[in-house]
Amino acid sequence: MTFEEAVATHAPAWVGIWLDILFFSAIVLPLSLVIWRATRLTALFVFIAAVFNVVGVMTLYQQLGYVRLLGLPHIIAWTPLVIHLWFKMKSPDVSAIPRVIIGIAFATIMISLAFDYVDLIRYIAGERTPPSMATL
């Protein structure tokens, strides 16, 4: 079973929509930050985190299947990224449009991290059933 099939099987329908929003808001949109000199490094950090997340989630899925631990790569990559995004949003060197892009990415990643941290805690606590975000 592919990862996409596992999500379709174990998660409510809105999760697929959320994953599309997450992909656009936390990966695609922030890559546009390469346009502005003050946010080019941020775009690079987003790209590195995205690659790490894809490789990490797919590797964990291949090794363990569809388990709550799949959010661990997000926690590892996105926790320091949101700290960077927070400070970059507050920087006077960042103009209005990139600040909005950073804000959208920040909010989206924070929502995802809320799910990921809860799932990690549940996994550590011994809950090994496939995650269903409907139970949060």
C-alpha atoms as a PDB file:
ATOM      1  CA  MET A   1       0.000   0.000   0.000  1.00  0.00           C
ATOM      2  CA  THR A   2       1.363   3.424  -0.923  1.00  0.00           C
ATOM      3  CA  PHE A   3       1.504   6.274   1.574  1.00  0.00           C
ATOM      4  CA  GLU A   4      -1.308   8.051  -0.271  1.00  0.00           C
ATOM      5  CA  GLU A   5      -3.469   4.898  -0.114  1.00  0.00           C
ATOM      6  CA  ALA A   6      -2.754   4.575   3.613  1.00  0.00           C
ATOM      7  CA  VAL A   7      -3.862   8.151   4.227  1.00  0.00           C
ATOM      8  CA  ALA A   8      -7.013   7.577   2.168  1.00  0.00           C
ATOM      9  CA  THR A   9      -7.738   4.369   4.107  1.00  0.00           C
ATOM     10  CA  HIS A  10      -6.993   5.502   7.670  1.00  0.00           C
ATOM     11  CA  ALA A  11      -7.711   9.221   7.721  1.00  0.00           C
ATOM     12  CA  PRO A  12     -10.884  11.249   7.252  1.00  0.00           C
ATOM     13  CA  ALA A  13     -11.387  12.910   3.857  1.00  0.00           C
ATOM     14  CA  TRP A  14     -10.396  16.362   5.092  1.00  0.00           C
ATOM     15  CA  VAL A  15      -6.849  15.130   5.777  1.00  0.00           C
ATOM     16  CA  GLY A  16      -6.159  14.867   2.044  1.00  0.00           C
ATOM     17  CA  ILE A  17      -7.274  18.466   1.629  1.00  0.00           C
ATOM     18  CA  TRP A  18      -5.117  19.485   4.604  1.00  0.00           C
ATOM     19  CA  LEU A  19      -2.086  17.756   3.055  1.00  0.00           C
ATOM     20  CA  ASP A  20      -2.595  19.769  -0.145  1.00  0.00           C
ATOM     21  CA  ILE A  21      -2.858  23.005   1.855  1.00  0.00           C
ATOM     22  CA  LEU A  22       0.196  22.015   3.867  1.00  0.00           C
ATOM     23  CA  PHE A  23       2.219  21.253   0.740  1.00  0.00           C
ATOM     24  CA  PHE A  24       1.360  24.599  -0.841  1.00  0.00           C
ATOM     25  CA  SER A  25       1.542  26.792   2.278  1.00  0.00           C
ATOM     26  CA  ALA A  26       4.584  25.255   3.957  1.00  0.00           C
ATOM     27  CA  ILE A  27       6.685  24.269   0.939  1.00  0.00           C
ATOM     28  CA  VAL A  28       5.702  25.769  -2.420  1.00  0.00           C
ATOM     29  CA  LEU A  29       4.720  29.291  -1.322  1.00  0.00           C
ATOM     30  CA  PRO A  30       7.768  29.837   0.943  1.00  0.00           C
ATOM     31  CA  LEU A  31      10.114  28.848  -1.887  1.00  0.00           C
ATOM     32  CA  SER A  32       9.049  32.112  -3.532  1.00  0.00           C
ATOM     33  CA  LEU A  33      11.036  33.845  -0.781  1.00  0.00           C
ATOM     34  CA  VAL A  34      14.088  33.347  -2.987  1.00  0.00           C
ATOM     35  CA  ILE A  35      12.921  36.473  -4.858  1.00  0.00           C
ATOM     36  CA  TRP A  36      13.849  38.815  -1.997  1.00  0.00           C
ATOM     37  CA  ARG A  37      17.457  39.147  -0.876  1.00  0.00           C
ATOM     38  CA  ALA A  38      16.500  39.332   2.821  1.00  0.00           C
ATOM     39  CA  THR A  39      14.648  36.002   2.675  1.00  0.00           C
ATOM     40  CA  ARG A  40      16.787  33.870   0.355  1.00  0.00           C
ATOM     41  CA  LEU A  41      18.340  31.970   3.246  1.00  0.00           C
ATOM     42  CA  THR A  42      14.842  31.315   4.601  1.00  0.00           C
ATOM     43  CA  ALA A  43      13.825  29.844   1.232  1.00  0.00           C
ATOM     44  CA  LEU A  44      16.866  27.573   1.416  1.00  0.00           C
ATOM     45  CA  PHE A  45      15.929  26.468   4.957  1.00  0.00           C
ATOM     46  CA  VAL A  46      12.394  25.675   3.759  1.00  0.00           C
ATOM     47  CA  PHE A  47      13.769  23.640   0.861  1.00  0.00           C
ATOM     48  CA  ILE A  48      16.136  21.679   3.118  1.00  0.00           C
ATOM     49  CA  ALA A  49      13.322  20.995   5.614  1.00  0.00           C
ATOM     50  CA  ALA A  50      10.994  19.886   2.794  1.00  0.00           C
ATOM     51  CA  VAL A  51      13.528  17.411   1.402  1.00  0.00           C
ATOM     52  CA  PHE A  52      14.279  16.099   4.898  1.00  0.00           C
ATOM     53  CA  ASN A  53      10.562  15.701   5.605  1.00  0.00           C
ATOM     54  CA  VAL A  54       9.785  13.840   2.382  1.00  0.00           C
ATOM     55  CA  VAL A  55      12.748  11.488   2.748  1.00  0.00           C
ATOM     56  CA  GLY A  56      12.128  11.021   6.481  1.00  0.00           C
ATOM     57  CA  VAL A  57       8.383  10.362   6.261  1.00  0.00           C
ATOM     58  CA  MET A  58       8.729   8.000   3.292  1.00  0.00           C
ATOM     59  CA  THR A  59      11.593   6.114   4.970  1.00  0.00           C
ATOM     60  CA  LEU A  60       9.635   5.735   8.200  1.00  0.00           C
ATOM     61  CA  TYR A  61       6.541   4.685   6.263  1.00  0.00           C
ATOM     62  CA  GLN A  62       8.506   2.001   4.386  1.00  0.00           C
ATOM     63  CA  GLN A  63      10.038   0.727   7.631  1.00  0.00           C
ATOM     64  CA  LEU A  64       7.091   0.992  10.041  1.00  0.00           C
ATOM     65  CA  GLY A  65       3.958   1.508   7.975  1.00  0.00           C
ATOM     66  CA  TYR A  66       1.289   4.099   8.706  1.00  0.00           C
ATOM     67  CA  VAL A  67       2.024   4.886  12.363  1.00  0.00           C
ATOM     68  CA  ARG A  68       1.882   7.960  14.557  1.00  0.00           C
ATOM     69  CA  LEU A  69       5.658   8.253  14.438  1.00  0.00           C
ATOM     70  CA  LEU A  70       5.499   9.586  10.854  1.00  0.00           C
ATOM     71  CA  GLY A  71       5.382  13.141  12.215  1.00  0.00           C
ATOM     72  CA  LEU A  72       8.860  12.801  13.737  1.00  0.00           C
ATOM     73  CA  PRO A  73      10.687  14.188  10.669  1.00  0.00           C
ATOM     74  CA  HIS A  74       8.381  17.229  10.799  1.00  0.00           C
ATOM     75  CA  ILE A  75       9.228  17.761  14.456  1.00  0.00           C
ATOM     76  CA  ILE A  76      12.952  17.495  13.763  1.00  0.00           C
ATOM     77  CA  ALA A  77      12.963  19.796  10.718  1.00  0.00           C
ATOM     78  CA  TRP A  78      10.111  22.188  11.422  1.00  0.00           C
ATOM     79  CA  THR A  79      10.677  23.021  15.074  1.00  0.00           C
ATOM     80  CA  PRO A  80      13.897  24.935  14.351  1.00  0.00           C
ATOM     81  CA  LEU A  81      12.377  26.254  11.116  1.00  0.00           C
ATOM     82  CA  VAL A  82       9.408  27.876  12.897  1.00  0.00           C
ATOM     83  CA  ILE A  83      11.820  29.537  15.316  1.00  0.00           C
ATOM     84  CA  HIS A  84      13.702  30.953  12.341  1.00  0.00           C
ATOM     85  CA  LEU A  85      10.433  31.993  10.657  1.00  0.00           C
ATOM     86  CA  TRP A  86       9.265  33.754  13.822  1.00  0.00           C
ATOM     87  CA  PHE A  87      12.404  35.863  14.037  1.00  0.00           C
ATOM     88  CA  LYS A  88      12.427  36.516  10.278  1.00  0.00           C
ATOM     89  CA  MET A  89       8.796  37.743  10.439  1.00  0.00           C
ATOM     90  CA  LYS A  90       9.837  40.237  13.105  1.00  0.00           C
ATOM     91  CA  SER A  91      12.912  41.424  11.193  1.00  0.00           C
ATOM     92  CA  PRO A  92      12.781  45.012   9.935  1.00  0.00           C
ATOM     93  CA  ASP A  93      14.717  43.882   6.846  1.00  0.00           C
ATOM     94  CA  VAL A  94      11.731  41.884   5.570  1.00  0.00           C
ATOM     95  CA  SER A  95       9.175  43.763   3.478  1.00  0.00           C
ATOM     96  CA  ALA A  96       5.408  43.276   3.573  1.00  0.00           C
ATOM     97  CA  ILE A  97       4.884  40.582   0.919  1.00  0.00           C
ATOM     98  CA  PRO A  98       7.564  38.181   2.168  1.00  0.00           C
ATOM     99  CA  ARG A  99       6.374  38.821   5.728  1.00  0.00           C
ATOM    100  CA  VAL A 100       2.876  37.636   4.728  1.00  0.00           C
ATOM    101  CA  ILE A 101       4.339  34.558   2.996  1.00  0.00           C
ATOM    102  CA  ILE A 102       6.405  33.759   6.078  1.00  0.00           C
ATOM    103  CA  GLY A 103       3.336  34.262   8.280  1.00  0.00           C
ATOM    104  CA  ILE A 104       1.279  31.826   6.206  1.00  0.00           C
ATOM    105  CA  ALA A 105       4.065  29.231   6.310  1.00  0.00           C
ATOM    106  CA  PHE A 106       4.553  29.780  10.043  1.00  0.00           C
ATOM    107  CA  ALA A 107       0.853  29.330  10.855  1.00  0.00           C
ATOM    108  CA  THR A 108       0.500  26.261   8.633  1.00  0.00           C
ATOM    109  CA  ILE A 109       3.590  24.578  10.052  1.00  0.00           C
ATOM    110  CA  MET A 110       2.492  25.334  13.625  1.00  0.00           C
ATOM    111  CA  ILE A 111      -0.857  23.630  12.980  1.00  0.00           C
ATOM    112  CA  SER A 112       0.932  20.624  11.518  1.00  0.00           C
ATOM    113  CA  LEU A 113       3.348  20.503  14.446  1.00  0.00           C
ATOM    114  CA  ALA A 114       0.428  20.454  16.891  1.00  0.00           C
ATOM    115  CA  PHE A 115      -0.791  17.231  15.240  1.00  0.00           C
ATOM    116  CA  ASP A 116       2.745  15.861  15.010  1.00  0.00           C
ATOM    117  CA  TYR A 117       3.631  16.449  18.669  1.00  0.00           C
ATOM    118  CA  VAL A 118       0.345  14.898  19.824  1.00  0.00           C
ATOM    119  CA  ASP A 119       0.943  11.880  17.582  1.00  0.00           C
ATOM    120  CA  LEU A 120       4.527  11.518  18.862  1.00  0.00           C
ATOM    121  CA  ILE A 121       3.349  11.631  22.471  1.00  0.00           C
ATOM    122  CA  ARG A 122       0.674   9.021  21.699  1.00  0.00           C
ATOM    123  CA  TYR A 123       3.249   6.805  19.976  1.00  0.00           C
ATOM    124  CA  ILE A 124       5.663   7.063  22.918  1.00  0.00           C
ATOM    125  CA  ALA A 125       2.743   6.243  25.223  1.00  0.00           C
ATOM    126  CA  GLY A 126       2.261   2.983  23.332  1.00  0.00           C
ATOM    127  CA  GLU A 127      -0.545   3.790  20.921  1.00  0.00           C
ATOM    128  CA  ARG A 128       0.452   1.911  17.786  1.00  0.00           C
ATOM    129  CA  THR A 129      -2.833   1.963  15.863  1.00  0.00           C
ATOM    130  CA  PRO A 130      -2.835   3.957  12.606  1.00  0.00           C
ATOM    131  CA  PRO A 131      -3.400   7.646  13.264  1.00  0.00           C
ATOM    132  CA  SER A 132      -6.760   9.126  12.474  1.00  0.00           C
ATOM    133  CA  MET A 133      -6.765  12.869  12.875  1.00  0.00           C
ATOM    134  CA  ALA A 134     -10.485  12.652  13.550  1.00  0.00           C
ATOM    135  CA  THR A 135      -9.613  11.352  17.028  1.00  0.00           C
ATOM    136  CA  LEU A 136      -7.658  14.474  18.004  1.00  0.00           C
END
